[in-house]
Protein backbone atom coordinates (compact mmCIF):
# COMPACT_ATOMS: atom_id res chain seq x y z
CA UNK A 1 27.13 0.46 -29.78
CA UNK A 2 24.48 -0.68 -27.32
CA UNK A 3 25.56 -3.08 -24.62
CA UNK A 4 24.01 -6.45 -23.98
CA UNK A 5 22.47 -6.86 -20.55
CA UNK A 6 21.84 -10.04 -18.66
CA UNK A 7 18.47 -10.91 -17.20
CA UNK A 8 17.35 -13.72 -14.92
CA UNK A 9 17.50 -17.36 -15.99
CA UNK A 10 13.97 -17.30 -17.38
CA UNK A 11 14.73 -14.39 -19.71
CA UNK A 12 17.46 -14.49 -22.36
CA UNK A 13 20.10 -11.83 -22.83
CA UNK A 14 18.69 -8.97 -24.87
CA UNK A 15 19.73 -5.66 -26.38
CA UNK A 16 19.45 -2.66 -24.05
CA UNK A 17 16.44 -0.46 -24.79
CA UNK A 18 16.67 2.81 -26.67
CA UNK A 19 13.16 3.82 -25.61
CA UNK A 20 11.85 3.87 -22.03
CA UNK A 21 8.04 4.04 -22.16
CA UNK A 22 5.99 4.20 -18.99
CA UNK A 23 2.47 4.51 -17.73
CA UNK A 24 1.92 7.12 -15.03
CA UNK A 25 -0.62 6.25 -12.31
CA UNK A 26 0.34 3.15 -10.35
CA UNK A 27 3.58 2.86 -12.34
CA UNK A 28 5.82 5.92 -12.46
CA UNK A 29 3.92 7.92 -9.84
CA UNK A 30 3.59 7.04 -6.17
CA UNK A 31 0.28 6.68 -4.32
CA UNK A 32 0.11 10.44 -3.75
CA UNK A 33 0.74 11.19 -7.43
CA UNK A 34 4.29 12.39 -6.83
CA UNK A 35 7.51 11.72 -8.72
CA UNK A 36 10.32 10.73 -6.40
CA UNK A 37 13.79 12.33 -6.70
CA UNK A 38 15.18 8.89 -7.56
CA UNK A 39 12.73 8.51 -10.45
CA UNK A 40 13.49 11.98 -11.78
CA UNK A 41 17.24 11.30 -11.57
CA UNK A 42 16.88 7.97 -13.38
CA UNK A 43 14.83 9.47 -16.22
CA UNK A 44 17.25 12.38 -16.55
CA UNK A 45 20.18 9.95 -16.69
CA UNK A 46 18.39 7.88 -19.34
CA UNK A 47 17.78 10.96 -21.47
CA UNK A 48 21.37 12.03 -20.97
CA UNK A 49 22.54 8.62 -22.19
CA UNK A 50 20.59 9.09 -25.43
CA UNK A 51 17.48 7.08 -24.57
CA UNK A 52 14.02 8.42 -25.46
CA UNK A 53 11.55 8.69 -22.57
CA UNK A 54 7.87 8.33 -23.51
CA UNK A 55 4.79 8.85 -21.34
CA UNK A 56 1.98 6.42 -22.21
CA UNK A 57 -1.17 7.01 -20.20
CA UNK A 58 -4.95 6.83 -20.06
CA UNK A 59 -4.91 10.44 -18.87
CA UNK A 60 -5.99 13.20 -21.25
CA UNK A 61 -3.22 15.54 -22.44
CA UNK A 62 -4.13 18.31 -19.99
CA UNK A 63 -3.62 15.92 -17.07
CA UNK A 64 -0.06 14.99 -18.04
CA UNK A 65 1.72 18.33 -18.13
CA UNK A 66 2.26 18.51 -14.38
CA UNK A 67 4.32 15.34 -14.78
CA UNK A 68 5.93 15.86 -18.19
CA UNK A 69 7.14 19.32 -17.18
CA UNK A 70 9.44 17.64 -14.66
CA UNK A 71 11.70 15.85 -17.18
CA UNK A 72 12.67 15.74 -20.84
CA UNK A 73 10.26 13.56 -22.79
CA UNK A 74 10.30 12.33 -26.38
CA UNK A 75 6.53 11.95 -26.70
CA UNK A 76 3.31 11.84 -24.71
CA UNK A 77 0.81 9.14 -25.67
CA UNK A 78 -2.47 10.15 -24.03
CA UNK A 79 -6.01 8.78 -23.71
CA UNK A 80 -4.78 5.23 -24.33
CA UNK A 81 -3.29 6.19 -27.71
CA UNK A 82 -5.93 8.53 -29.10
CA UNK A 83 -3.62 11.56 -28.82
CA UNK A 84 0.14 11.59 -29.39
CA UNK A 85 2.02 14.79 -28.56
CA UNK A 86 5.59 15.39 -29.72
CA UNK A 87 7.76 18.02 -28.01
CA UNK A 88 8.29 20.03 -31.22
CA UNK A 89 5.00 21.87 -30.74
CA UNK A 90 3.34 20.30 -33.79
CA UNK A 91 -0.36 19.40 -33.75
CA UNK A 92 -1.04 16.14 -31.93
CA UNK A 93 -1.57 12.93 -33.86
CA UNK A 94 -5.23 12.03 -33.33
CA UNK A 95 -7.05 8.72 -33.77
CA UNK A 96 -10.66 9.46 -32.90
CA UNK A 97 -13.84 7.42 -32.69
CA UNK A 98 -16.25 8.15 -35.55
CA UNK A 99 -19.32 10.07 -34.22
CA UNK A 100 -21.79 7.69 -35.88
CA UNK A 101 -20.00 4.70 -34.45
CA UNK A 102 -19.90 6.36 -31.02
CA UNK A 103 -23.69 6.78 -31.12
CA UNK A 104 -24.15 3.12 -32.02
CA UNK A 105 -21.77 2.07 -29.25
CA UNK A 106 -23.64 4.14 -26.67
CA UNK A 107 -26.98 2.71 -27.78
CA UNK A 108 -25.70 -0.86 -27.55
CA UNK A 109 -24.09 -0.30 -24.16
CA UNK A 110 -27.18 1.37 -22.72
CA UNK A 111 -29.32 -1.53 -23.88
CA UNK A 112 -26.96 -4.08 -22.34
CA UNK A 113 -26.31 -2.26 -19.03
CA UNK A 114 -29.09 0.24 -18.22
CA UNK A 115 -27.34 2.07 -15.35
CA UNK A 116 -24.55 3.62 -17.45
CA UNK A 117 -23.55 7.26 -17.80
CA UNK A 118 -21.31 8.61 -20.55
CA UNK A 119 -18.53 11.14 -21.02
CA UNK A 120 -16.09 12.02 -23.81
CA UNK A 121 -12.48 13.21 -23.79
CA UNK A 122 -11.68 15.53 -26.71
CA UNK A 123 -8.04 16.26 -26.00
CA UNK A 124 -8.96 19.76 -24.83
CA UNK A 125 -11.55 18.88 -22.22
CA UNK A 126 -14.12 16.41 -20.90
CA UNK A 127 -17.85 16.56 -21.62
CA UNK A 128 -20.38 14.48 -19.70
CA UNK A 129 -24.14 13.97 -19.62
CA UNK A 130 -26.18 13.99 -16.36
CA UNK A 131 -25.99 10.23 -15.88
CA UNK A 132 -22.20 10.20 -15.69
CA UNK A 133 -20.84 10.09 -12.15
CA UNK A 134 -17.82 12.34 -11.78
CA UNK A 135 -15.12 11.17 -9.40
CA UNK A 136 -12.06 12.74 -7.83
CA UNK A 137 -9.86 12.26 -10.91
CA UNK A 138 -12.02 14.80 -12.77
CA UNK A 139 -11.26 17.55 -10.26
CA UNK A 140 -13.66 20.27 -9.17
CA UNK A 141 -17.01 20.07 -11.04
CA UNK A 142 -16.48 23.69 -12.01
CA UNK A 143 -13.02 23.12 -13.51
CA UNK A 144 -12.62 24.76 -16.94
CA UNK A 145 -11.87 21.47 -18.72
CA UNK A 146 -15.21 19.98 -17.60
CA UNK A 147 -18.42 20.63 -19.52
CA UNK A 148 -21.78 19.31 -18.35
CA UNK A 149 -24.34 18.79 -21.11
CA UNK A 150 -28.04 18.03 -20.89
CA UNK A 151 -28.26 14.74 -22.78
CA UNK A 152 -26.41 12.05 -24.71
CA UNK A 153 -27.55 13.73 -27.94
CA UNK A 154 -25.94 17.01 -26.90
CA UNK A 155 -22.84 15.13 -25.79
CA UNK A 156 -22.42 13.63 -29.25
CA UNK A 157 -23.18 16.92 -30.98
CA UNK A 158 -20.63 18.95 -29.02
CA UNK A 159 -17.76 16.56 -28.34
CA UNK A 160 -15.14 16.61 -31.09
CA UNK A 161 -12.93 14.83 -31.66
CA UNK A 162 -14.09 11.76 -29.72
CA UNK A 163 -10.71 10.68 -28.46
CA UNK A 164 -12.08 8.42 -25.75
CA UNK A 165 -15.62 7.52 -24.76
CA UNK A 166 -15.91 6.78 -21.04
CA UNK A 167 -18.77 4.92 -19.45
CA UNK A 168 -19.40 4.40 -15.75
CA UNK A 169 -22.09 2.29 -14.15
CA UNK A 170 -24.05 3.41 -11.11
CA UNK A 171 -23.93 0.01 -9.43
CA UNK A 172 -22.98 -2.76 -11.89
CA UNK A 173 -19.72 -4.34 -10.69
CA UNK A 174 -16.78 -4.38 -13.06
CA UNK A 175 -16.69 -8.17 -13.38
CA UNK A 176 -20.20 -7.98 -14.83
CA UNK A 177 -19.73 -4.74 -16.77
CA UNK A 178 -16.62 -5.75 -18.72
CA UNK A 179 -17.96 -8.90 -20.42
CA UNK A 180 -21.37 -7.33 -20.99
CA UNK A 181 -19.78 -4.33 -22.70
CA UNK A 182 -17.49 -6.51 -24.81
CA UNK A 183 -20.40 -8.63 -25.99
CA UNK A 184 -22.51 -5.56 -26.81
CA UNK A 185 -19.84 -3.56 -28.62
CA UNK A 186 -17.93 -6.29 -30.44
CA UNK A 187 -15.49 -4.85 -33.01
CA UNK A 188 -17.01 -1.35 -33.03
CA UNK A 189 -14.59 -0.01 -30.43
CA UNK A 190 -11.51 -0.89 -28.40
CA UNK A 191 -12.45 -1.44 -24.75
CA UNK A 192 -9.90 -0.93 -22.00
CA UNK A 193 -9.76 -0.69 -18.23
CA UNK A 194 -7.37 1.65 -16.41
CA UNK A 195 -8.57 1.23 -12.85
CA UNK A 196 -11.53 3.60 -12.55
CA UNK A 197 -14.32 2.42 -10.27
CA UNK A 198 -17.09 0.72 -12.37
CA UNK A 199 -15.63 2.50 -15.40
CA UNK A 200 -14.59 1.41 -18.90
CA UNK A 201 -12.84 3.39 -21.64
CA UNK A 202 -13.62 2.98 -25.34
CA UNK A 203 -11.50 4.12 -28.27
CA UNK A 204 -11.61 3.76 -32.04
CA UNK A 205 -11.11 0.16 -33.21
CA UNK A 206 -7.49 -0.89 -32.85
CA UNK A 207 -6.48 2.21 -30.89
CA UNK A 208 -4.58 1.24 -27.76
CA UNK A 209 -1.33 1.96 -25.98
CA UNK A 210 0.56 -0.78 -27.79
CA UNK A 211 -0.40 0.31 -31.29
CA UNK A 212 0.36 3.97 -30.56
CA UNK A 213 3.75 3.13 -29.09
CA UNK A 214 4.60 0.81 -31.99
CA UNK A 215 3.71 3.48 -34.57
CA UNK A 216 5.72 6.10 -32.67
CA UNK A 217 8.80 3.87 -32.46
CA UNK A 218 8.47 3.03 -36.15
CA UNK A 219 8.80 6.77 -36.89
CA UNK A 220 12.07 6.72 -34.96
CA UNK A 221 13.34 3.48 -36.49
CA UNK A 222 13.33 1.69 -33.13
CA UNK A 223 12.24 -1.99 -33.16
CA UNK A 224 10.20 -3.60 -30.39
CA UNK A 225 13.19 -5.40 -28.88
CA UNK A 226 14.79 -2.04 -28.11
CA UNK A 227 11.78 -0.75 -26.18
CA UNK A 228 11.11 -1.13 -22.44
CA UNK A 229 7.54 -0.59 -21.25
CA UNK A 230 6.23 -0.35 -17.68
CA UNK A 231 2.55 -0.65 -16.73
CA UNK A 232 0.16 -1.78 -14.02
CA UNK A 233 -3.32 -2.15 -15.58
CA UNK A 234 -5.05 -4.22 -18.29
CA UNK A 235 -5.00 -1.15 -20.56
CA UNK A 236 -1.20 -1.53 -20.56
CA UNK A 237 -1.21 -5.10 -21.83
CA UNK A 238 -1.01 -4.29 -25.59
CA UNK A 239 2.12 -2.20 -24.96
CA UNK A 240 3.60 -4.70 -22.51
CA UNK A 241 3.09 -7.51 -25.03
CA UNK A 242 4.58 -5.52 -27.92
CA UNK A 243 7.69 -4.18 -26.20
CA UNK A 244 10.73 -6.43 -26.10
CA UNK A 245 11.17 -5.52 -22.42
CA UNK A 246 7.70 -5.61 -20.87
CA UNK A 247 7.52 -4.95 -17.12
CA UNK A 248 4.35 -5.36 -15.07
CA UNK A 249 4.57 -3.51 -11.78
CA UNK A 250 4.58 -5.67 -8.64
CA UNK A 251 1.61 -3.62 -7.41
CA UNK A 252 -0.21 -4.14 -10.70
CA UNK A 253 -3.52 -5.75 -11.62
CA UNK A 254 -3.51 -9.55 -11.09
CA UNK A 255 -4.23 -10.09 -14.80
CA UNK A 256 -0.77 -8.77 -15.63
CA UNK A 257 1.02 -10.90 -13.05
CA UNK A 258 -0.09 -14.20 -14.57
CA UNK A 259 3.17 -16.10 -15.30
CA UNK A 260 1.62 -17.37 -18.55
CA UNK A 261 2.00 -13.86 -20.00
CA UNK A 262 5.77 -14.07 -19.68
CA UNK A 263 6.17 -10.49 -18.47
CA UNK A 264 8.97 -9.34 -16.25
CA UNK A 265 7.98 -7.83 -12.90
CA UNK A 266 9.37 -4.51 -11.69
CA UNK A 267 9.30 -3.50 -8.02
CA UNK A 268 6.23 -1.54 -6.98
CA UNK A 269 5.72 2.14 -7.74
CA UNK A 270 6.19 2.90 -4.04
CA UNK A 271 9.67 1.40 -4.34
CA UNK A 272 10.52 3.43 -7.47
CA UNK A 273 10.36 0.26 -9.54
CA UNK A 274 10.76 2.02 -12.89
CA UNK A 275 13.82 3.85 -11.62
CA UNK A 276 15.37 0.64 -10.30
CA UNK A 277 15.07 -1.10 -13.66
CA UNK A 278 16.26 1.93 -15.63
CA UNK A 279 19.29 2.25 -13.34
CA UNK A 280 20.11 -1.37 -14.09
CA UNK A 281 19.97 -0.78 -17.82
CA UNK A 282 22.14 2.31 -17.56
CA UNK A 283 24.72 0.42 -15.52
CA UNK A 284 25.09 -1.98 -18.46
CA UNK A 285 25.73 0.70 -21.08
């Protein structure tokens, strides 16, 4: 029988979570990308108590293993929900952007914001055309998961499946890029922002962290009010809004810290905020 845990006066008493779902960068990981001993201990204790631990990230699958190998996980939701990996070794669940739609999206974006470059995550690697500016998150330009192609046409011909289309502007600031992209794309794709400089991420319509987490928990028979989610960026908002226990990180994007959203606030990632909250839940079991 799950215990009931008290929260502060603005949040009613709720059922303890059976699923702990967390973003990685800026949430579970510290500034240097490390997992603290306290965080590892808290996640291990949660798993030992019968809770499921789920990674939910904008990262592609290949960029999560160095984290997921450190603890027992129930699932990895990657590329903002485009790829879901279960630990049983089965093929990932894939929700990809249709190639024809991707071409239309690129054409509309390029017409609206001329200084854009494009890349595509396939789940096995990242392909990019010459106009796409690589940054440090991509690693060495010669890394085996990176493939440079000669044009957007070649990009669309070779990239499959199109898990996530990424666009980066050369100089257009994000506050201009985001609304321009939304107006140009409309319902053709899901647009999200995970913190990359002048960069937006586009997925198939309706594909986001919240939907992927909801579908995963439905498979397990776990309702939203028994799910805790931790995130720090606008891309996390669908999952934060869906989960019964939604925690924006204190170091998170200002959009998530708006009191009107009604989210709880966890201590910053530098203070092991996820671990602190999880420890509190475990103390109430």
